[in-house]
C-alpha atoms as a PDB file:
ATOM      1  CA  MET A   1      -0.301  -0.110   0.238  1.00  0.00           C
ATOM      2  CA  PHE A   2       2.906   2.536   0.513  1.00  0.00           C
ATOM      3  CA  ASN A   3       4.289   1.676  -2.477  1.00  0.00           C
ATOM      4  CA  ASN A   4       1.242   2.540  -4.595  1.00  0.00           C
ATOM      5  CA  TYR A   5       0.705   6.091  -2.333  1.00  0.00           C
ATOM      6  CA  PHE A   6       4.202   7.031  -2.918  1.00  0.00           C
ATOM      7  CA  TRP A   7       3.955   6.279  -6.413  1.00  0.00           C
ATOM      8  CA  LYS A   8       0.832   7.790  -7.381  1.00  0.00           C
ATOM      9  CA  TYR A   9       2.038  11.365  -5.387  1.00  0.00           C
ATOM     10  CA  PHE A  10       5.280  10.668  -7.590  1.00  0.00           C
ATOM     11  CA  SER A  11       3.463  10.473 -10.650  1.00  0.00           C
ATOM     12  CA  PHE A  12       1.307  13.688  -9.613  1.00  0.00           C
ATOM     13  CA  PHE A  13       3.619  15.815  -8.779  1.00  0.00           C
ATOM     14  CA  GLN A  14       6.347  15.052 -11.026  1.00  0.00           C
ATOM     15  CA  LYS A  15       3.264  16.022 -13.984  1.00  0.00           C
ATOM     16  CA  VAL A  16       3.111  19.343 -12.211  1.00  0.00           C
ATOM     17  CA  ILE A  17       6.843  20.079 -12.074  1.00  0.00           C
ATOM     18  CA  GLY A  18       8.223  17.681 -14.705  1.00  0.00           C
ATOM     19  CA  SER A  19      12.193  17.201 -14.611  1.00  0.00           C
ATOM     20  CA  HIS A  20      13.012  19.193 -11.275  1.00  0.00           C
ATOM     21  CA  LEU A  21      11.753  16.621  -9.422  1.00  0.00           C
ATOM     22  CA  TYR A  22      14.558  14.430 -10.703  1.00  0.00           C
ATOM     23  CA  LEU A  23      17.060  16.998  -9.928  1.00  0.00           C
ATOM     24  CA  PHE A  24      16.232  16.943  -6.291  1.00  0.00           C
ATOM     25  CA  VAL A  25      16.050  13.174  -6.088  1.00  0.00           C
ATOM     26  CA  PHE A  26      20.066  13.808  -7.510  1.00  0.00           C
ATOM     27  CA  VAL A  27      20.915  16.178  -5.068  1.00  0.00           C
ATOM     28  CA  SER A  28      19.444  14.348  -1.954  1.00  0.00           C
ATOM     29  CA  ILE A  29      21.242  11.458  -3.164  1.00  0.00           C
ATOM     30  CA  GLY A  30      24.384  13.466  -2.936  1.00  0.00           C
ATOM     31  CA  VAL A  31      23.245  14.952   0.385  1.00  0.00           C
ATOM     32  CA  GLY A  32      22.841  10.921   1.680  1.00  0.00           C
ATOM     33  CA  LEU A  33      26.410  10.071   0.009  1.00  0.00           C
ATOM     34  CA  LEU A  34      28.494  12.588   1.517  1.00  0.00           C
ATOM     35  CA  ASP A  35      26.734  12.273   4.877  1.00  0.00           C
ATOM     36  CA  SER A  36      27.491   8.910   4.927  1.00  0.00           C
ATOM     37  CA  PHE A  37      31.093   8.832   4.065  1.00  0.00           C
ATOM     38  CA  ALA A  38      31.380  11.492   6.827  1.00  0.00           C
ATOM     39  CA  LEU A  39      29.615   9.140   9.385  1.00  0.00           C
ATOM     40  CA  ALA A  40      31.541   6.365   7.937  1.00  0.00           C
ATOM     41  CA  LEU A  41      35.185   7.784   8.596  1.00  0.00           C
ATOM     42  CA  PHE A  42      34.174   8.246  12.381  1.00  0.00           C
ATOM     43  CA  VAL A  43      34.177   4.124  12.907  1.00  0.00           C
ATOM     44  CA  PRO A  44      38.366   4.167  12.210  1.00  0.00           C
ATOM     45  CA  LEU A  45      39.022   7.178  14.330  1.00  0.00           C
ATOM     46  CA  LEU A  46      36.686   6.110  17.245  1.00  0.00           C
ATOM     47  CA  SER A  47      38.483   2.689  16.830  1.00  0.00           C
ATOM     48  CA  SER A  48      41.954   4.406  16.754  1.00  0.00           C
ATOM     49  CA  VAL A  49      40.587   6.734  19.971  1.00  0.00           C
ATOM     50  CA  SER A  50      39.851   3.801  21.744  1.00  0.00           C
ATOM     51  CA  GLY A  51      42.875   1.832  20.953  1.00  0.00           C
ATOM     52  CA  SER A  52      40.703  -1.284  19.368  1.00  0.00           C
ATOM     53  CA  ALA A  53      42.208  -0.778  15.951  1.00  0.00           C
ATOM     54  CA  SER A  54      44.231   0.779  13.963  1.00  0.00           C
ATOM     55  CA  MET A  55      43.559   3.725  11.155  1.00  0.00           C
ATOM     56  CA  THR A  56      43.894   1.745   8.423  1.00  0.00           C
ATOM     57  CA  GLY A  57      40.310   1.184   7.677  1.00  0.00           C
ATOM     58  CA  ASP A  58      39.865  -2.559   8.386  1.00  0.00           C
ATOM     59  CA  SER A  59      36.931  -1.745  10.687  1.00  0.00           C
ATOM     60  CA  LEU A  60      35.207  -0.125   7.856  1.00  0.00           C
ATOM     61  CA  GLY A  61      34.839  -3.525   6.029  1.00  0.00           C
ATOM     62  CA  ASN A  62      34.094  -2.922   2.310  1.00  0.00           C
ATOM     63  CA  LEU A  63      34.222   0.842   2.986  1.00  0.00           C
ATOM     64  CA  LYS A  64      37.357   0.804   3.415  1.00  0.00           C
ATOM     65  CA  PHE A  65      37.987   2.047  -0.252  1.00  0.00           C
ATOM     66  CA  LEU A  66      37.637   5.727   2.123  1.00  0.00           C
ATOM     67  CA  THR A  67      40.793   5.269   3.997  1.00  0.00           C
ATOM     68  CA  ASP A  68      42.657   3.577   1.009  1.00  0.00           C
ATOM     69  CA  PHE A  69      41.531   6.985  -1.025  1.00  0.00           C
ATOM     70  CA  ILE A  70      43.008   9.086   1.482  1.00  0.00           C
ATOM     71  CA  SER A  71      45.993   7.106   1.712  1.00  0.00           C
ATOM     72  CA  ASN A  72      46.271   7.331  -2.017  1.00  0.00           C
ATOM     73  CA  LEU A  73      46.044  11.062  -2.343  1.00  0.00           C
ATOM     74  CA  GLY A  74      49.538  11.348  -0.068  1.00  0.00           C
ATOM     75  CA  PHE A  75      48.134  11.371   3.160  1.00  0.00           C
ATOM     76  CA  SER A  76      48.963   9.359   6.308  1.00  0.00           C
ATOM     77  CA  MET A  77      45.934   8.039   7.950  1.00  0.00           C
ATOM     78  CA  ASN A  78      46.377   9.828  11.884  1.00  0.00           C
ATOM     79  CA  LEU A  79      43.924  11.457  13.590  1.00  0.00           C
ATOM     80  CA  GLU A  80      44.544  14.873  12.811  1.00  0.00           C
ATOM     81  CA  THR A  81      43.992  14.005   8.659  1.00  0.00           C
ATOM     82  CA  VAL A  82      40.957  11.896   9.161  1.00  0.00           C
ATOM     83  CA  LEU A  83      39.219  14.793  11.144  1.00  0.00           C
ATOM     84  CA  ILE A  84      40.289  17.221   8.521  1.00  0.00           C
ATOM     85  CA  PHE A  85      38.282  14.920   6.003  1.00  0.00           C
ATOM     86  CA  ILE A  86      35.527  14.720   8.136  1.00  0.00           C
ATOM     87  CA  VAL A  87      34.985  18.787   8.252  1.00  0.00           C
ATOM     88  CA  ILE A  88      35.866  18.904   4.586  1.00  0.00           C
ATOM     89  CA  LEU A  89      32.582  16.198   3.664  1.00  0.00           C
ATOM     90  CA  PHE A  90      30.473  17.980   6.017  1.00  0.00           C
ATOM     91  CA  LEU A  91      31.073  21.542   4.680  1.00  0.00           C
ATOM     92  CA  ILE A  92      30.757  19.932   1.065  1.00  0.00           C
ATOM     93  CA  LYS A  93      27.511  18.556   2.508  1.00  0.00           C
ATOM     94  CA  GLY A  94      26.147  21.336   3.753  1.00  0.00           C
ATOM     95  CA  ILE A  95      26.810  23.557   0.723  1.00  0.00           C
ATOM     96  CA  PHE A  96      24.439  20.432  -1.204  1.00  0.00           C
ATOM     97  CA  LYS A  97      22.225  20.741   1.582  1.00  0.00           C
ATOM     98  CA  PHE A  98      22.207  24.784   0.939  1.00  0.00           C
ATOM     99  CA  PHE A  99      21.388  24.176  -2.852  1.00  0.00           C
ATOM    100  CA  GLN A 100      18.812  21.662  -1.934  1.00  0.00           C
ATOM    101  CA  ARG A 101      16.744  23.920  -0.005  1.00  0.00           C
ATOM    102  CA  LYS A 102      17.053  26.668  -2.318  1.00  0.00           C
ATOM    103  CA  TYR A 103      16.273  24.980  -5.135  1.00  0.00           C
ATOM    104  CA  PHE A 104      13.122  23.207  -3.191  1.00  0.00           C
ATOM    105  CA  THR A 105      11.823  26.905  -2.900  1.00  0.00           C
ATOM    106  CA  TYR A 106      12.121  27.536  -6.380  1.00  0.00           C
ATOM    107  CA  ILE A 107      10.163  24.177  -7.061  1.00  0.00           C
ATOM    108  CA  ARG A 108       7.385  25.470  -4.659  1.00  0.00           C
ATOM    109  CA  PHE A 109       7.094  28.548  -6.496  1.00  0.00           C
ATOM    110  CA  ILE A 110       6.906  26.935 -10.003  1.00  0.00           C
ATOM    111  CA  PHE A 111       4.201  23.955  -8.331  1.00  0.00           C
ATOM    112  CA  LEU A 112       2.259  26.822  -6.502  1.00  0.00           C
ATOM    113  CA  THR A 113       1.807  29.222  -9.778  1.00  0.00           C
ATOM    114  CA  LYS A 114       1.109  26.240 -11.982  1.00  0.00           C
ATOM    115  CA  VAL A 115      -1.526  25.057  -9.943  1.00  0.00           C
ATOM    116  CA  ARG A 116      -3.482  28.069  -9.484  1.00  0.00           C
ATOM    117  CA  ASN A 117      -3.145  29.253 -12.561  1.00  0.00           C
ATOM    118  CA  GLY A 118      -4.616  25.994 -13.984  1.00  0.00           C
ATOM    119  CA  LEU A 119      -7.603  26.332 -11.427  1.00  0.00           C
ATOM    120  CA  LEU A 120      -8.200  29.677 -12.809  1.00  0.00           C
ATOM    121  CA  ASP A 121      -8.086  28.191 -16.455  1.00  0.00           C
ATOM    122  CA  ASN A 122     -10.692  26.069 -15.704  1.00  0.00           C
ATOM    123  CA  LEU A 123     -12.804  28.236 -14.009  1.00  0.00           C
ATOM    124  CA  GLU A 124     -12.709  30.377 -17.149  1.00  0.00           C
ATOM    125  CA  THR A 125     -13.275  27.951 -19.340  1.00  0.00           C
ATOM    126  CA  LEU A 126     -15.848  26.587 -17.539  1.00  0.00           C
ATOM    127  CA  SER A 127     -19.735  26.649 -19.223  1.00  0.00           C
ATOM    128  CA  TYR A 128     -22.504  28.115 -17.336  1.00  0.00           C
ATOM    129  CA  PRO A 129     -24.394  25.359 -17.097  1.00  0.00           C
ATOM    130  CA  GLY A 130     -21.695  23.266 -15.784  1.00  0.00           C
ATOM    131  CA  PHE A 131     -21.030  26.386 -13.087  1.00  0.00           C
ATOM    132  CA  LEU A 132     -24.692  25.858 -12.069  1.00  0.00           C
ATOM    133  CA  LYS A 133     -24.439  22.256 -11.697  1.00  0.00           C
ATOM    134  CA  VAL A 134     -21.090  22.655  -9.268  1.00  0.00           C
ATOM    135  CA  ASP A 135     -21.549  23.861  -5.521  1.00  0.00           C
ATOM    136  CA  ALA A 136     -20.190  27.012  -5.277  1.00  0.00           C
ATOM    137  CA  GLY A 137     -18.625  26.194  -1.730  1.00  0.00           C
ATOM    138  CA  ARG A 138     -16.585  23.306  -3.383  1.00  0.00           C
ATOM    139  CA  ILE A 139     -15.232  26.052  -5.870  1.00  0.00           C
ATOM    140  CA  GLN A 140     -14.042  27.998  -3.417  1.00  0.00           C
ATOM    141  CA  ASN A 141     -12.474  25.794  -0.832  1.00  0.00           C
ATOM    142  CA  VAL A 142     -10.762  24.011  -3.677  1.00  0.00           C
ATOM    143  CA  MET A 143      -9.256  27.529  -5.423  1.00  0.00           C
ATOM    144  CA  VAL A 144      -8.627  28.459  -1.828  1.00  0.00           C
ATOM    145  CA  GLY A 145      -8.160  26.158   0.818  1.00  0.00           C
ATOM    146  CA  GLU A 146      -7.649  22.713  -0.579  1.00  0.00           C
ATOM    147  CA  SER A 147      -4.921  24.544  -2.924  1.00  0.00           C
ATOM    148  CA  GLY A 148      -2.970  25.548   0.379  1.00  0.00           C
ATOM    149  CA  LYS A 149      -3.309  21.946   1.856  1.00  0.00           C
ATOM    150  CA  LEU A 150      -2.338  20.671  -1.779  1.00  0.00           C
ATOM    151  CA  PHE A 151       0.647  22.725  -1.283  1.00  0.00           C
ATOM    152  CA  SER A 152       1.891  21.820   2.286  1.00  0.00           C
ATOM    153  CA  ALA A 153       1.491  17.807   0.982  1.00  0.00           C
ATOM    154  CA  MET A 154       3.885  18.528  -1.791  1.00  0.00           C
ATOM    155  CA  THR A 155       6.013  19.779   1.130  1.00  0.00           C
ATOM    156  CA  SER A 156       5.665  17.003   3.812  1.00  0.00           C
ATOM    157  CA  PHE A 157       6.369  14.354   0.129  1.00  0.00           C
ATOM    158  CA  PHE A 158       9.474  16.421  -0.648  1.00  0.00           C
ATOM    159  CA  PHE A 159      10.763  15.878   2.882  1.00  0.00           C
ATOM    160  CA  THR A 160       9.315  12.098   2.599  1.00  0.00           C
ATOM    161  CA  LEU A 161      11.297  11.646  -0.398  1.00  0.00           C
ATOM    162  CA  GLN A 162      14.343  13.366   0.800  1.00  0.00           C
ATOM    163  CA  SER A 163      14.415  10.852   3.578  1.00  0.00           C
ATOM    164  CA  PHE A 164      13.562   8.043   1.526  1.00  0.00           C
ATOM    165  CA  VAL A 165      16.431   8.493  -0.687  1.00  0.00           C
ATOM    166  CA  LEU A 166      18.907   8.904   2.294  1.00  0.00           C
ATOM    167  CA  LEU A 167      17.475   5.504   3.695  1.00  0.00           C
ATOM    168  CA  SER A 168      18.158   4.211   0.344  1.00  0.00           C
ATOM    169  CA  THR A 169      21.627   5.641   0.697  1.00  0.00           C
ATOM    170  CA  TYR A 170      22.421   4.416   4.030  1.00  0.00           C
ATOM    171  CA  VAL A 171      20.845   1.180   3.412  1.00  0.00           C
ATOM    172  CA  VAL A 172      22.861   0.250   0.261  1.00  0.00           C
ATOM    173  CA  LEU A 173      26.354   1.510   2.140  1.00  0.00           C
ATOM    174  CA  ALA A 174      24.820  -0.708   4.850  1.00  0.00           C
ATOM    175  CA  PHE A 175      25.023  -3.129   2.888  1.00  0.00           C
ATOM    176  CA  VAL A 176      28.636  -2.858   1.339  1.00  0.00           C
ATOM    177  CA  ALA A 177      30.015  -2.597   4.966  1.00  0.00           C
ATOM    178  CA  ASP A 178      28.357  -5.481   6.617  1.00  0.00           C
ATOM    179  CA  TRP A 179      25.415  -7.201   4.382  1.00  0.00           C
ATOM    180  CA  LYS A 180      24.009  -9.415   7.653  1.00  0.00           C
ATOM    181  CA  PHE A 181      23.640  -6.492   9.930  1.00  0.00           C
ATOM    182  CA  ALA A 182      21.790  -4.857   7.052  1.00  0.00           C
ATOM    183  CA  ILE A 183      19.509  -7.509   6.668  1.00  0.00           C
ATOM    184  CA  LEU A 184      18.391  -7.743   9.841  1.00  0.00           C
ATOM    185  CA  VAL A 185      17.813  -4.157   9.767  1.00  0.00           C
ATOM    186  CA  ALA A 186      15.504  -4.320   6.819  1.00  0.00           C
ATOM    187  CA  VAL A 187      13.516  -6.638   7.885  1.00  0.00           C
ATOM    188  CA  GLY A 188      12.479  -4.465  11.099  1.00  0.00           C
ATOM    189  CA  GLY A 189      11.586  -1.926   9.173  1.00  0.00           C
ATOM    190  CA  GLY A 190       9.820  -4.341   6.577  1.00  0.00           C
ATOM    191  CA  LEU A 191       7.694  -5.585   9.420  1.00  0.00           C
ATOM    192  CA  SER A 192       6.927  -2.033  10.822  1.00  0.00           C
ATOM    193  CA  ASN A 193       5.442  -0.655   7.330  1.00  0.00           C
ATOM    194  CA  VAL A 194       2.845  -3.584   8.479  1.00  0.00           C
ATOM    195  CA  LEU A 195       1.617  -0.761  11.386  1.00  0.00           C
ATOM    196  CA  TYR A 196       2.437   2.440   8.672  1.00  0.00           C
ATOM    197  CA  GLN A 197      -0.206   0.743   6.199  1.00  0.00           C
ATOM    198  CA  TYR A 198      -2.656   0.624   8.489  1.00  0.00           C
ATOM    199  CA  LEU A 199      -2.014   4.404   9.395  1.00  0.00           C
ATOM    200  CA  PHE A 200      -1.748   5.399   5.473  1.00  0.00           C
ATOM    201  CA  MET A 201      -5.732   3.843   4.812  1.00  0.00           C
ATOM    202  CA  VAL A 202      -6.943   5.887   8.176  1.00  0.00           C
ATOM    203  CA  THR A 203      -5.324   8.967   7.010  1.00  0.00           C
ATOM    204  CA  GLY A 204      -7.229   9.037   3.336  1.00  0.00           C
ATOM    205  CA  ARG A 205     -10.294   7.972   4.589  1.00  0.00           C
ATOM    206  CA  ILE A 206      -9.850  11.164   7.168  1.00  0.00           C
ATOM    207  CA  SER A 207      -8.478  13.455   4.511  1.00  0.00           C
ATOM    208  CA  LYS A 208     -11.636  13.025   2.108  1.00  0.00           C
ATOM    209  CA  SER A 209     -13.875  13.550   4.881  1.00  0.00           C
ATOM    210  CA  ILE A 210     -12.006  16.892   5.631  1.00  0.00           C
ATOM    211  CA  SER A 211     -12.061  17.790   2.212  1.00  0.00           C
ATOM    212  CA  GLN A 212     -16.220  17.471   2.291  1.00  0.00           C
ATOM    213  CA  LYS A 213     -16.969  19.323   5.081  1.00  0.00           C
ATOM    214  CA  GLY A 214     -14.887  22.138   3.681  1.00  0.00           C
ATOM    215  CA  ASN A 215     -16.882  21.941   0.715  1.00  0.00           C
ATOM    216  CA  ASP A 216     -20.018  22.219   2.867  1.00  0.00           C
ATOM    217  CA  TYR A 217     -18.686  25.406   4.907  1.00  0.00           C
ATOM    218  CA  ASN A 218     -17.639  27.446   2.585  1.00  0.00           C
ATOM    219  CA  GLY A 219     -20.913  26.579   0.557  1.00  0.00           C
ATOM    220  CA  TYR A 220     -22.746  27.497   3.296  1.00  0.00           C
ATOM    221  CA  LEU A 221     -20.573  30.740   3.983  1.00  0.00           C
ATOM    222  CA  ILE A 222     -21.267  31.713   0.340  1.00  0.00           C
ATOM    223  CA  GLN A 223     -24.788  31.670   1.113  1.00  0.00           C
ATOM    224  CA  ALA A 224     -24.730  33.313   4.232  1.00  0.00           C
ATOM    225  CA  ILE A 225     -22.988  36.716   2.447  1.00  0.00           C
ATOM    226  CA  ASN A 226     -25.094  36.681  -0.296  1.00  0.00           C
ATOM    227  CA  HIS A 227     -28.777  36.357   1.457  1.00  0.00           C
ATOM    228  CA  PHE A 228     -27.479  37.884   4.670  1.00  0.00           C
ATOM    229  CA  LYS A 229     -29.739  40.814   4.652  1.00  0.00           C
ATOM    230  CA  TYR A 230     -32.836  38.273   4.085  1.00  0.00           C
ATOM    231  CA  LEU A 231     -31.532  36.150   7.104  1.00  0.00           C
ATOM    232  CA  LYS A 232     -30.441  38.750   9.429  1.00  0.00           C
ATOM    233  CA  VAL A 233     -34.232  40.486   9.000  1.00  0.00           C
ATOM    234  CA  THR A 234     -35.630  36.865   9.127  1.00  0.00           C
ATOM    235  CA  GLY A 235     -33.360  35.382  12.236  1.00  0.00           C
ATOM    236  CA  LYS A 236     -32.458  33.182  10.431  1.00  0.00           C
ATOM    237  CA  LEU A 237     -28.783  33.426  10.444  1.00  0.00           C
END
């Protein structure tokens, strides 16, 4: 069920903002890799401080290529070198993160502009007989209330997508480092998904109910404003 929800929303947002979605995923992968590499370098650092191992990177398993890369650059593997490379990786990650947040702000602007302009265009092309068949409260609620909720939904989806990409990056590197431990964690995550399937189902049902109540509220509000004099005089407000 999670996959159904995820790909449904992914397809919708991709239709609205196009290739910007894929570039955002690419930048998120870069952030995840830099963060993972920096965290991985803490392993030989802590092992050396505790005296349990040297800084040759043997404690990294298949991620030993990180320390090999540093050694191939001509640097000796010591406390200062590892700390410097950790700081450099986190700085580069910070630059990627800044670009990601700035780019996301640009994507939100594109999304909101396209959605609201599209709604206005649809309202302009709506025929008068068609307008009479549609509840005015629903039109107003969709134009104002639901479009704002859709904007919030996009924000939540992109943060979820970012977390999903980071998680995928961590899982891949975990398999590279120690596949047995990675399988154990993956099984635990799969079991927790059973709970989230129920939450997704309940959330979807409640969201539809909230939207309908918003339509009804705006409909009554418009009627009250349009017929305020009559309702006030008759005491029916």
